[in-house]
Amino acid sequence: MPRPPQDGKPHSRSPRRSENGKASRWISRSIVLFGRYSSKRPPGLCVDTDGSLRIVDVMREWGYEQGLSERDVLAAVQEHMLHEDGTLRFAIGSDPAGRIVVRVLPKRLAFSAGQRDR
């Protein structure tokens, strides 16, 4: 059973973002894996052929179990939306029903502008 907060305010179960963004980096990398590799997806998570995932599905199949909020996941995707060279990693949009969709873009080439993909 969780301890009651000492200051009387409710505490979030979401991971606190460290100064170097480790939690948001972990979240964004997890989303990338789900979008690109079917073997890395939680059972029940549906991904379109273009790498699109609905946030409500991500939360239901993975996020809530990790103690995350929808806001945590979207903030991580936004924070890590670009690769170091400025190319897109994610695109955010909505489906015809108005639900938020994150599209994981294809992996960059191993060598881009003379640098190795990390």
N, C-alpha and C. Protein backbone atom coordinates (compact mmCIF):
# COMPACT_ATOMS: atom_id res chain seq x y z
N MET A 1 0.85 -1.18 0.00
CA MET A 1 0.00 0.00 0.00
C MET A 1 0.89 1.24 0.00
N PRO A 2 0.62 2.23 -0.90
CA PRO A 2 1.47 3.41 -0.96
C PRO A 2 1.36 4.27 0.29
N ARG A 3 2.48 4.89 0.62
CA ARG A 3 2.48 5.81 1.76
C ARG A 3 1.75 7.08 1.40
N PRO A 4 1.02 7.67 2.36
CA PRO A 4 0.39 8.95 2.07
C PRO A 4 1.47 10.03 1.97
N PRO A 5 1.25 11.02 1.13
CA PRO A 5 2.25 12.08 0.97
C PRO A 5 2.44 12.84 2.28
N GLN A 6 3.67 13.25 2.54
CA GLN A 6 4.01 13.96 3.76
C GLN A 6 3.45 15.38 3.79
N ASP A 7 3.32 16.00 2.63
CA ASP A 7 2.86 17.39 2.59
C ASP A 7 1.36 17.52 2.36
N GLY A 8 0.66 16.39 2.31
CA GLY A 8 -0.79 16.41 2.12
C GLY A 8 -1.22 16.54 0.68
N LYS A 9 -0.26 16.71 -0.26
CA LYS A 9 -0.58 16.83 -1.67
C LYS A 9 -0.39 15.48 -2.34
N PRO A 10 -1.23 15.16 -3.31
CA PRO A 10 -1.06 13.88 -4.00
C PRO A 10 0.24 13.88 -4.81
N HIS A 11 0.88 12.74 -4.86
CA HIS A 11 2.12 12.60 -5.63
C HIS A 11 1.84 11.82 -6.89
N SER A 12 2.50 12.21 -7.96
CA SER A 12 2.37 11.50 -9.22
C SER A 12 3.15 10.20 -9.15
N ARG A 13 2.62 9.16 -9.79
CA ARG A 13 3.34 7.90 -9.91
C ARG A 13 4.27 7.94 -11.11
N SER A 14 4.18 8.99 -11.89
CA SER A 14 5.00 9.10 -13.09
C SER A 14 6.46 9.28 -12.71
N PRO A 15 7.36 8.75 -13.54
CA PRO A 15 8.77 8.94 -13.22
C PRO A 15 9.14 10.41 -13.31
N ARG A 16 9.90 10.86 -12.36
CA ARG A 16 10.35 12.24 -12.39
C ARG A 16 11.39 12.40 -13.48
N ARG A 17 11.34 13.48 -14.17
CA ARG A 17 12.29 13.74 -15.23
C ARG A 17 13.59 14.20 -14.61
N SER A 18 14.63 13.49 -14.88
CA SER A 18 15.92 13.86 -14.33
C SER A 18 16.49 15.02 -15.13
N GLU A 19 17.55 15.59 -14.61
CA GLU A 19 18.16 16.74 -15.28
C GLU A 19 18.60 16.41 -16.69
N ASN A 20 19.02 15.20 -16.92
CA ASN A 20 19.49 14.85 -18.26
C ASN A 20 18.41 14.19 -19.11
N GLY A 21 17.18 14.16 -18.63
CA GLY A 21 16.06 13.67 -19.42
C GLY A 21 16.03 12.16 -19.60
N LYS A 22 16.61 11.40 -18.66
CA LYS A 22 16.66 9.95 -18.83
C LYS A 22 15.27 9.33 -18.94
N ALA A 23 14.32 9.78 -18.13
CA ALA A 23 12.98 9.20 -18.20
C ALA A 23 12.33 9.49 -19.54
N SER A 24 12.44 10.71 -20.02
CA SER A 24 11.80 11.02 -21.31
C SER A 24 12.52 10.32 -22.45
N ARG A 25 13.81 10.15 -22.33
CA ARG A 25 14.56 9.42 -23.37
C ARG A 25 14.12 7.95 -23.39
N TRP A 26 13.94 7.35 -22.22
CA TRP A 26 13.47 5.96 -22.12
C TRP A 26 12.07 5.81 -22.74
N ILE A 27 11.20 6.75 -22.45
CA ILE A 27 9.84 6.71 -23.00
C ILE A 27 9.90 6.82 -24.52
N SER A 28 10.64 7.79 -25.03
CA SER A 28 10.68 8.00 -26.49
C SER A 28 11.32 6.81 -27.20
N ARG A 29 12.35 6.23 -26.61
CA ARG A 29 12.98 5.06 -27.23
C ARG A 29 12.03 3.87 -27.23
N SER A 30 11.25 3.74 -26.18
CA SER A 30 10.26 2.66 -26.13
C SER A 30 9.25 2.83 -27.25
N ILE A 31 8.76 4.06 -27.46
CA ILE A 31 7.80 4.32 -28.52
C ILE A 31 8.40 4.01 -29.88
N VAL A 32 9.67 4.37 -30.08
CA VAL A 32 10.35 4.06 -31.34
C VAL A 32 10.38 2.54 -31.56
N LEU A 33 10.75 1.80 -30.53
CA LEU A 33 10.79 0.34 -30.66
C LEU A 33 9.43 -0.23 -31.00
N PHE A 34 8.38 0.28 -30.36
CA PHE A 34 7.03 -0.21 -30.63
C PHE A 34 6.63 0.06 -32.08
N GLY A 35 6.99 1.24 -32.57
CA GLY A 35 6.61 1.63 -33.93
C GLY A 35 7.36 0.90 -35.01
N ARG A 36 8.60 0.52 -34.73
CA ARG A 36 9.44 -0.09 -35.77
C ARG A 36 9.54 -1.60 -35.72
N TYR A 37 9.41 -2.18 -34.54
CA TYR A 37 9.70 -3.61 -34.39
C TYR A 37 8.54 -4.33 -33.70
N SER A 38 7.85 -5.17 -34.45
CA SER A 38 6.69 -5.87 -33.89
C SER A 38 7.07 -6.76 -32.71
N SER A 39 8.28 -7.29 -32.70
CA SER A 39 8.71 -8.16 -31.59
C SER A 39 8.91 -7.39 -30.29
N LYS A 40 9.02 -6.08 -30.35
CA LYS A 40 9.25 -5.25 -29.16
C LYS A 40 7.96 -4.66 -28.60
N ARG A 41 6.84 -4.87 -29.29
CA ARG A 41 5.56 -4.28 -28.87
C ARG A 41 4.92 -5.08 -27.74
N PRO A 42 4.24 -4.36 -26.84
CA PRO A 42 3.44 -5.08 -25.85
C PRO A 42 2.32 -5.82 -26.57
N PRO A 43 1.95 -7.01 -26.07
CA PRO A 43 0.84 -7.74 -26.70
C PRO A 43 -0.41 -6.86 -26.72
N GLY A 44 -1.09 -6.83 -27.85
CA GLY A 44 -2.32 -6.06 -27.97
C GLY A 44 -2.14 -4.66 -28.54
N LEU A 45 -0.90 -4.18 -28.65
CA LEU A 45 -0.67 -2.84 -29.20
C LEU A 45 -0.67 -2.91 -30.72
N CYS A 46 -1.59 -2.19 -31.34
CA CYS A 46 -1.71 -2.17 -32.79
C CYS A 46 -0.94 -0.99 -33.36
N VAL A 47 -0.17 -1.26 -34.40
CA VAL A 47 0.61 -0.23 -35.09
C VAL A 47 0.27 -0.34 -36.57
N ASP A 48 -0.04 0.79 -37.20
CA ASP A 48 -0.32 0.80 -38.63
C ASP A 48 0.94 0.51 -39.42
N THR A 49 0.77 0.20 -40.70
CA THR A 49 1.92 -0.12 -41.56
C THR A 49 2.88 1.05 -41.70
N ASP A 50 2.41 2.28 -41.45
CA ASP A 50 3.31 3.44 -41.55
C ASP A 50 3.95 3.79 -40.21
N GLY A 51 3.78 2.93 -39.19
CA GLY A 51 4.39 3.16 -37.89
C GLY A 51 3.58 4.04 -36.96
N SER A 52 2.29 4.20 -37.24
CA SER A 52 1.43 5.05 -36.42
C SER A 52 0.82 4.28 -35.26
N LEU A 53 0.84 4.91 -34.08
CA LEU A 53 0.23 4.34 -32.88
C LEU A 53 -0.70 5.37 -32.27
N ARG A 54 -1.86 4.94 -31.83
CA ARG A 54 -2.75 5.85 -31.11
C ARG A 54 -2.30 5.91 -29.66
N ILE A 55 -2.23 7.10 -29.12
CA ILE A 55 -1.78 7.29 -27.75
C ILE A 55 -2.68 6.53 -26.77
N VAL A 56 -3.99 6.51 -27.01
CA VAL A 56 -4.87 5.78 -26.10
C VAL A 56 -4.51 4.30 -26.05
N ASP A 57 -4.09 3.74 -27.18
CA ASP A 57 -3.67 2.33 -27.22
C ASP A 57 -2.34 2.13 -26.50
N VAL A 58 -1.40 3.04 -26.72
CA VAL A 58 -0.10 2.96 -26.04
C VAL A 58 -0.31 3.00 -24.52
N MET A 59 -1.18 3.88 -24.08
CA MET A 59 -1.42 4.01 -22.64
C MET A 59 -2.08 2.75 -22.08
N ARG A 60 -3.07 2.25 -22.79
CA ARG A 60 -3.80 1.06 -22.32
C ARG A 60 -2.89 -0.17 -22.25
N GLU A 61 -2.05 -0.35 -23.26
CA GLU A 61 -1.25 -1.57 -23.36
C GLU A 61 0.11 -1.48 -22.68
N TRP A 62 0.58 -0.26 -22.34
CA TRP A 62 1.93 -0.11 -21.79
C TRP A 62 2.06 1.03 -20.79
N GLY A 63 1.60 2.22 -21.15
CA GLY A 63 1.88 3.42 -20.37
C GLY A 63 1.38 3.39 -18.94
N TYR A 64 0.12 3.06 -18.74
CA TYR A 64 -0.43 3.06 -17.38
C TYR A 64 0.30 2.05 -16.49
N GLU A 65 0.64 0.91 -17.07
CA GLU A 65 1.37 -0.11 -16.32
C GLU A 65 2.75 0.39 -15.86
N GLN A 66 3.31 1.31 -16.64
CA GLN A 66 4.61 1.89 -16.30
C GLN A 66 4.50 3.06 -15.34
N GLY A 67 3.26 3.42 -14.98
CA GLY A 67 3.06 4.55 -14.08
C GLY A 67 3.13 5.89 -14.80
N LEU A 68 2.90 5.88 -16.10
CA LEU A 68 2.99 7.09 -16.91
C LEU A 68 1.61 7.68 -17.16
N SER A 69 1.60 8.97 -17.45
CA SER A 69 0.38 9.63 -17.90
C SER A 69 0.50 9.89 -19.40
N GLU A 70 -0.61 10.18 -20.01
CA GLU A 70 -0.59 10.54 -21.44
C GLU A 70 0.32 11.75 -21.65
N ARG A 71 0.27 12.67 -20.71
CA ARG A 71 1.11 13.87 -20.79
C ARG A 71 2.60 13.51 -20.77
N ASP A 72 2.98 12.53 -19.92
CA ASP A 72 4.39 12.08 -19.87
C ASP A 72 4.84 11.57 -21.23
N VAL A 73 4.01 10.74 -21.84
CA VAL A 73 4.36 10.12 -23.12
C VAL A 73 4.45 11.18 -24.22
N LEU A 74 3.46 12.05 -24.30
CA LEU A 74 3.48 13.09 -25.34
C LEU A 74 4.63 14.07 -25.13
N ALA A 75 4.93 14.41 -23.89
CA ALA A 75 6.05 15.32 -23.61
C ALA A 75 7.37 14.69 -24.05
N ALA A 76 7.53 13.39 -23.80
CA ALA A 76 8.75 12.70 -24.21
C ALA A 76 8.88 12.65 -25.73
N VAL A 77 7.77 12.38 -26.40
CA VAL A 77 7.79 12.35 -27.87
C VAL A 77 8.14 13.74 -28.40
N GLN A 78 7.56 14.77 -27.84
CA GLN A 78 7.85 16.13 -28.30
C GLN A 78 9.30 16.51 -28.01
N GLU A 79 9.79 16.15 -26.83
CA GLU A 79 11.17 16.51 -26.46
C GLU A 79 12.19 15.85 -27.38
N HIS A 80 11.88 14.63 -27.82
CA HIS A 80 12.84 13.88 -28.64
C HIS A 80 12.34 13.70 -30.07
N MET A 81 11.55 14.65 -30.54
CA MET A 81 10.96 14.57 -31.87
C MET A 81 12.00 14.63 -32.98
N LEU A 82 13.11 15.29 -32.72
CA LEU A 82 14.15 15.45 -33.74
C LEU A 82 15.41 14.67 -33.38
N HIS A 83 16.06 14.14 -34.41
CA HIS A 83 17.39 13.56 -34.24
C HIS A 83 18.37 14.72 -34.05
N GLU A 84 19.58 14.39 -33.65
CA GLU A 84 20.60 15.42 -33.44
C GLU A 84 20.87 16.25 -34.69
N ASP A 85 20.68 15.64 -35.87
CA ASP A 85 20.93 16.36 -37.12
C ASP A 85 19.71 17.15 -37.61
N GLY A 86 18.63 17.15 -36.82
CA GLY A 86 17.45 17.93 -37.17
C GLY A 86 16.39 17.19 -37.95
N THR A 87 16.66 15.94 -38.34
CA THR A 87 15.64 15.17 -39.05
C THR A 87 14.61 14.64 -38.05
N LEU A 88 13.39 14.46 -38.56
CA LEU A 88 12.29 14.02 -37.70
C LEU A 88 12.41 12.56 -37.28
N ARG A 89 12.10 12.30 -36.02
CA ARG A 89 12.00 10.95 -35.47
C ARG A 89 10.53 10.55 -35.35
N PHE A 90 9.68 11.53 -34.99
CA PHE A 90 8.25 11.31 -34.78
C PHE A 90 7.45 12.37 -35.52
N ALA A 91 6.20 12.05 -35.81
CA ALA A 91 5.22 13.02 -36.27
C ALA A 91 3.99 12.82 -35.39
N ILE A 92 3.36 13.91 -34.98
CA ILE A 92 2.17 13.83 -34.14
C ILE A 92 1.00 14.39 -34.93
N GLY A 93 -0.11 13.68 -34.89
CA GLY A 93 -1.31 14.12 -35.59
C GLY A 93 -2.54 13.53 -34.91
N SER A 94 -3.60 13.41 -35.68
CA SER A 94 -4.82 12.80 -35.13
C SER A 94 -5.46 11.93 -36.21
N ASP A 95 -6.24 10.96 -35.76
CA ASP A 95 -6.95 10.09 -36.69
C ASP A 95 -8.32 10.72 -37.00
N PRO A 96 -9.11 10.13 -37.88
CA PRO A 96 -10.41 10.71 -38.24
C PRO A 96 -11.35 10.89 -37.04
N ALA A 97 -11.16 10.11 -35.99
CA ALA A 97 -12.00 10.23 -34.79
C ALA A 97 -11.48 11.29 -33.82
N GLY A 98 -10.35 11.93 -34.17
CA GLY A 98 -9.80 12.98 -33.33
C GLY A 98 -8.85 12.50 -32.25
N ARG A 99 -8.49 11.22 -32.25
CA ARG A 99 -7.56 10.68 -31.25
C ARG A 99 -6.13 11.01 -31.66
N ILE A 100 -5.28 11.28 -30.67
CA ILE A 100 -3.88 11.63 -30.94
C ILE A 100 -3.13 10.40 -31.44
N VAL A 101 -2.38 10.60 -32.52
CA VAL A 101 -1.60 9.54 -33.15
C VAL A 101 -0.16 10.00 -33.23
N VAL A 102 0.75 9.09 -32.87
CA VAL A 102 2.19 9.33 -33.04
C VAL A 102 2.67 8.40 -34.12
N ARG A 103 3.34 8.97 -35.11
CA ARG A 103 3.91 8.14 -36.18
C ARG A 103 5.42 8.09 -35.96
N VAL A 104 5.93 6.88 -35.86
CA VAL A 104 7.37 6.67 -35.73
C VAL A 104 7.92 6.59 -37.14
N LEU A 105 8.81 7.50 -37.47
CA LEU A 105 9.35 7.56 -38.83
C LEU A 105 10.43 6.49 -39.01
N PRO A 106 10.66 6.10 -40.26
CA PRO A 106 11.67 5.06 -40.52
C PRO A 106 13.04 5.45 -39.99
N LYS A 107 13.81 4.43 -39.67
CA LYS A 107 15.16 4.64 -39.15
C LYS A 107 16.01 5.35 -40.20
N ARG A 108 16.87 6.22 -39.70
CA ARG A 108 17.79 6.90 -40.62
C ARG A 108 18.82 5.92 -41.14
N LEU A 109 19.50 6.31 -42.20
CA LEU A 109 20.60 5.50 -42.71
C LEU A 109 21.68 5.44 -41.65
N ALA A 110 22.46 4.39 -41.66
CA ALA A 110 23.51 4.21 -40.65
C ALA A 110 24.49 5.38 -40.67
N PHE A 111 24.72 5.94 -41.83
CA PHE A 111 25.63 7.09 -41.91
C PHE A 111 24.86 8.26 -42.49
N SER A 112 24.82 9.33 -41.70
CA SER A 112 24.11 10.52 -42.14
C SER A 112 25.03 11.71 -41.92
N ALA A 113 25.32 12.43 -42.98
CA ALA A 113 26.19 13.60 -42.91
C ALA A 113 27.54 13.24 -42.27
N GLY A 114 28.02 12.02 -42.60
CA GLY A 114 29.33 11.61 -42.11
C GLY A 114 29.34 11.14 -40.67
N GLN A 115 28.18 11.09 -40.01
CA GLN A 115 28.14 10.63 -38.63
C GLN A 115 27.43 9.30 -38.55
N ARG A 116 27.80 8.53 -37.62
CA ARG A 116 27.20 7.23 -37.40
C ARG A 116 25.92 7.36 -36.62
N ASP A 117 24.87 6.63 -36.99
CA ASP A 117 23.60 6.62 -36.24
C ASP A 117 23.83 5.93 -34.91
N ARG A 118 23.39 6.58 -33.86
CA ARG A 118 23.63 6.04 -32.51
C ARG A 118 22.48 5.28 -32.02
